[in-house]
Each structure stands twice: as structure tokens, then as C-alpha cells.
N, C-alpha and C. Protein backbone atom coordinates (compact mmCIF):
# COMPACT_ATOMS: atom_id res chain seq x y z
N MET A 1 7.24 -59.88 -23.32
CA MET A 1 6.69 -58.48 -23.67
C MET A 1 7.66 -58.04 -24.91
N PRO A 2 6.98 -57.56 -25.89
CA PRO A 2 7.59 -57.17 -27.25
C PRO A 2 8.32 -55.84 -26.96
N HIS A 3 9.26 -55.78 -27.71
CA HIS A 3 10.13 -54.47 -27.77
C HIS A 3 9.46 -53.50 -28.66
N THR A 4 8.69 -52.58 -28.25
CA THR A 4 7.88 -51.77 -29.19
C THR A 4 8.07 -50.19 -29.16
N HIS A 5 9.31 -49.77 -28.94
CA HIS A 5 9.49 -48.40 -29.09
C HIS A 5 9.83 -47.92 -30.45
N SER A 6 9.52 -46.68 -30.83
CA SER A 6 9.44 -46.31 -32.31
C SER A 6 10.72 -45.71 -32.83
N HIS A 7 11.73 -45.39 -31.96
CA HIS A 7 12.96 -44.61 -32.47
C HIS A 7 13.92 -45.78 -33.04
N ASP A 8 14.60 -45.35 -33.89
CA ASP A 8 15.50 -46.25 -34.68
C ASP A 8 16.89 -46.16 -33.97
N HIS A 9 17.85 -47.17 -34.10
CA HIS A 9 19.10 -47.14 -33.32
C HIS A 9 20.26 -46.82 -34.32
N ALA A 10 19.89 -46.14 -35.51
CA ALA A 10 20.87 -45.82 -36.52
C ALA A 10 21.73 -44.76 -35.88
N HIS A 11 23.00 -44.63 -36.28
CA HIS A 11 23.84 -43.65 -35.83
C HIS A 11 23.71 -42.37 -36.80
N HIS A 12 23.37 -41.31 -36.09
CA HIS A 12 23.04 -40.14 -36.93
C HIS A 12 24.27 -39.11 -36.73
N HIS A 13 24.84 -38.83 -38.03
CA HIS A 13 26.05 -37.89 -38.09
C HIS A 13 25.56 -36.52 -38.61
N HIS A 14 26.39 -35.54 -38.09
CA HIS A 14 26.11 -34.24 -38.54
C HIS A 14 26.49 -34.06 -40.11
N ALA A 15 25.90 -33.15 -40.80
CA ALA A 15 26.22 -33.01 -42.17
C ALA A 15 27.57 -32.42 -42.37
N HIS A 16 28.32 -32.79 -43.27
CA HIS A 16 29.65 -32.29 -43.55
C HIS A 16 29.61 -31.54 -44.93
N SER A 17 30.25 -30.44 -45.09
CA SER A 17 30.31 -29.66 -46.24
C SER A 17 31.46 -30.13 -47.33
N HIS A 18 32.24 -31.07 -46.82
CA HIS A 18 33.26 -31.67 -47.67
C HIS A 18 32.92 -33.01 -48.04
N GLY A 19 33.62 -33.65 -49.03
CA GLY A 19 33.39 -35.01 -49.43
C GLY A 19 33.99 -35.89 -48.30
N PRO A 20 33.56 -37.18 -48.41
CA PRO A 20 34.26 -38.15 -47.48
C PRO A 20 35.72 -38.39 -47.49
N ALA A 21 36.19 -38.24 -48.81
CA ALA A 21 37.64 -38.46 -49.01
C ALA A 21 38.53 -37.30 -48.81
N THR A 22 38.03 -36.11 -48.64
CA THR A 22 38.74 -34.90 -48.33
C THR A 22 38.84 -34.72 -46.80
N PRO A 23 40.03 -34.01 -46.37
CA PRO A 23 40.01 -33.87 -45.03
C PRO A 23 39.18 -32.59 -44.52
N HIS A 24 39.01 -32.56 -43.21
CA HIS A 24 38.23 -31.40 -42.75
C HIS A 24 38.83 -30.07 -42.99
N PRO A 25 38.13 -29.04 -43.35
CA PRO A 25 38.65 -27.79 -43.63
C PRO A 25 39.37 -27.17 -42.43
N ALA A 26 40.32 -26.38 -42.56
CA ALA A 26 41.10 -25.73 -41.39
C ALA A 26 40.26 -24.92 -40.59
N GLN A 27 40.39 -25.03 -39.28
CA GLN A 27 39.65 -24.26 -38.27
C GLN A 27 40.56 -23.11 -37.80
N PRO A 28 40.12 -21.99 -37.51
CA PRO A 28 40.98 -20.98 -36.87
C PRO A 28 41.35 -21.37 -35.52
N ALA A 29 42.69 -21.24 -35.26
CA ALA A 29 43.21 -21.63 -33.98
C ALA A 29 42.90 -20.51 -32.83
N PRO A 30 42.44 -20.92 -31.66
CA PRO A 30 42.15 -20.02 -30.67
C PRO A 30 43.49 -19.43 -30.02
N TRP A 31 44.58 -20.21 -30.25
CA TRP A 31 45.84 -19.87 -29.72
C TRP A 31 46.98 -20.56 -30.54
N SER A 32 48.01 -19.75 -30.72
CA SER A 32 49.03 -20.10 -31.59
C SER A 32 50.43 -19.65 -31.00
N ILE A 33 51.33 -20.45 -31.03
CA ILE A 33 52.68 -20.10 -30.47
C ILE A 33 53.32 -19.13 -31.49
N LEU A 34 52.86 -19.24 -32.74
CA LEU A 34 53.45 -18.33 -33.79
C LEU A 34 53.02 -16.89 -33.67
N ARG A 35 51.95 -16.71 -32.79
CA ARG A 35 51.57 -15.26 -32.71
C ARG A 35 52.04 -14.67 -31.35
N MET A 36 52.79 -15.47 -30.61
CA MET A 36 53.44 -15.07 -29.37
C MET A 36 54.64 -14.12 -29.69
N THR A 37 54.89 -13.28 -28.80
CA THR A 37 56.25 -12.52 -28.90
C THR A 37 57.36 -13.39 -28.58
N LEU A 38 58.65 -12.99 -28.97
CA LEU A 38 59.61 -13.74 -28.68
C LEU A 38 59.90 -14.01 -27.11
N SER A 39 59.73 -12.88 -26.34
CA SER A 39 59.87 -12.99 -24.95
C SER A 39 58.79 -13.87 -24.32
N ALA A 40 57.60 -13.83 -24.87
CA ALA A 40 56.60 -14.82 -24.39
C ALA A 40 56.90 -16.26 -24.67
N ARG A 41 57.43 -16.39 -25.88
CA ARG A 41 57.87 -17.81 -26.31
C ARG A 41 58.91 -18.27 -25.36
N LEU A 42 60.05 -17.45 -25.13
CA LEU A 42 61.03 -17.81 -24.23
C LEU A 42 60.45 -18.10 -22.69
N ALA A 43 59.61 -17.29 -22.40
CA ALA A 43 59.06 -17.56 -20.90
C ALA A 43 58.21 -18.77 -20.96
N ALA A 44 57.53 -19.14 -21.93
CA ALA A 44 56.71 -20.29 -22.07
C ALA A 44 57.71 -21.55 -22.07
N ALA A 45 58.79 -21.50 -22.98
CA ALA A 45 59.79 -22.52 -22.97
C ALA A 45 60.46 -22.72 -21.69
N PHE A 46 60.72 -21.67 -21.01
CA PHE A 46 61.43 -21.67 -19.54
C PHE A 46 60.37 -22.53 -18.61
N ALA A 47 59.12 -22.13 -18.74
CA ALA A 47 58.12 -22.67 -17.64
C ALA A 47 57.84 -24.15 -17.96
N VAL A 48 57.80 -24.59 -19.39
CA VAL A 48 57.74 -26.00 -19.68
C VAL A 48 58.97 -26.80 -19.28
N SER A 49 60.19 -26.24 -19.39
CA SER A 49 61.40 -26.81 -18.96
C SER A 49 61.47 -26.94 -17.52
N ALA A 50 61.17 -25.85 -16.87
CA ALA A 50 60.99 -26.13 -15.25
C ALA A 50 60.12 -27.11 -14.84
N ALA A 51 58.87 -27.12 -15.47
CA ALA A 51 57.88 -28.11 -15.13
C ALA A 51 58.56 -29.59 -15.37
N LEU A 52 59.15 -29.74 -16.46
CA LEU A 52 59.69 -31.10 -16.80
C LEU A 52 60.74 -31.50 -15.88
N TRP A 53 61.75 -30.54 -15.51
CA TRP A 53 62.76 -30.81 -14.66
C TRP A 53 62.18 -31.10 -13.16
N ALA A 54 61.09 -30.34 -12.78
CA ALA A 54 60.37 -30.78 -11.56
C ALA A 54 59.97 -32.19 -11.58
N VAL A 55 59.29 -32.72 -12.67
CA VAL A 55 59.00 -34.08 -12.80
C VAL A 55 60.13 -34.96 -12.61
N VAL A 56 61.25 -34.59 -13.32
CA VAL A 56 62.33 -35.48 -13.28
C VAL A 56 63.00 -35.54 -11.72
N LEU A 57 63.05 -34.39 -11.19
CA LEU A 57 63.70 -34.47 -9.80
C LEU A 57 62.82 -35.11 -8.76
N VAL A 58 61.33 -35.01 -8.93
CA VAL A 58 60.54 -35.79 -8.06
C VAL A 58 60.63 -37.10 -8.30
N ALA A 59 60.79 -37.52 -9.58
CA ALA A 59 60.81 -39.08 -9.92
C ALA A 59 62.09 -39.60 -9.35
N MET A 60 63.35 -38.77 -9.34
CA MET A 60 64.58 -39.30 -8.78
C MET A 60 64.60 -39.33 -7.32
N ARG A 61 63.69 -38.65 -6.66
CA ARG A 61 63.76 -38.57 -5.07
C ARG A 61 63.37 -39.92 -4.48
């Protein structure tokens, strides 16, 4: 039985507004540590540190 469907198997890419040699334009970040207050940064650092220490303590157990 012949293979007779009409669509092609080419890869379709979305159109880019920049050339192939240039990088993608910057996108607005939905979240940035630079926009956090100092106390929020310290709280985030403490939370990440506590989580990493929890991983270390569980791994040593």
C-alpha cells in the first residue's frame, strides 16, 4: 500500500525578528532578585541555605 498523505515532514519554525547570527532580544523578567528588598533577599538566602543544610544532614544520616 503506497504512502499517500499530503502533508510534508519539514520542520516549521516560527518567524524571528532578528537575524540568525544575532542573539535573541532580551525578554522582561517576571521575577528578579535585583528588585527584591534587602530583607527579602536575606530571607531568601536563609531559606536556600536551610534547604541545602537539610539535604546535607539527610544525606549524612
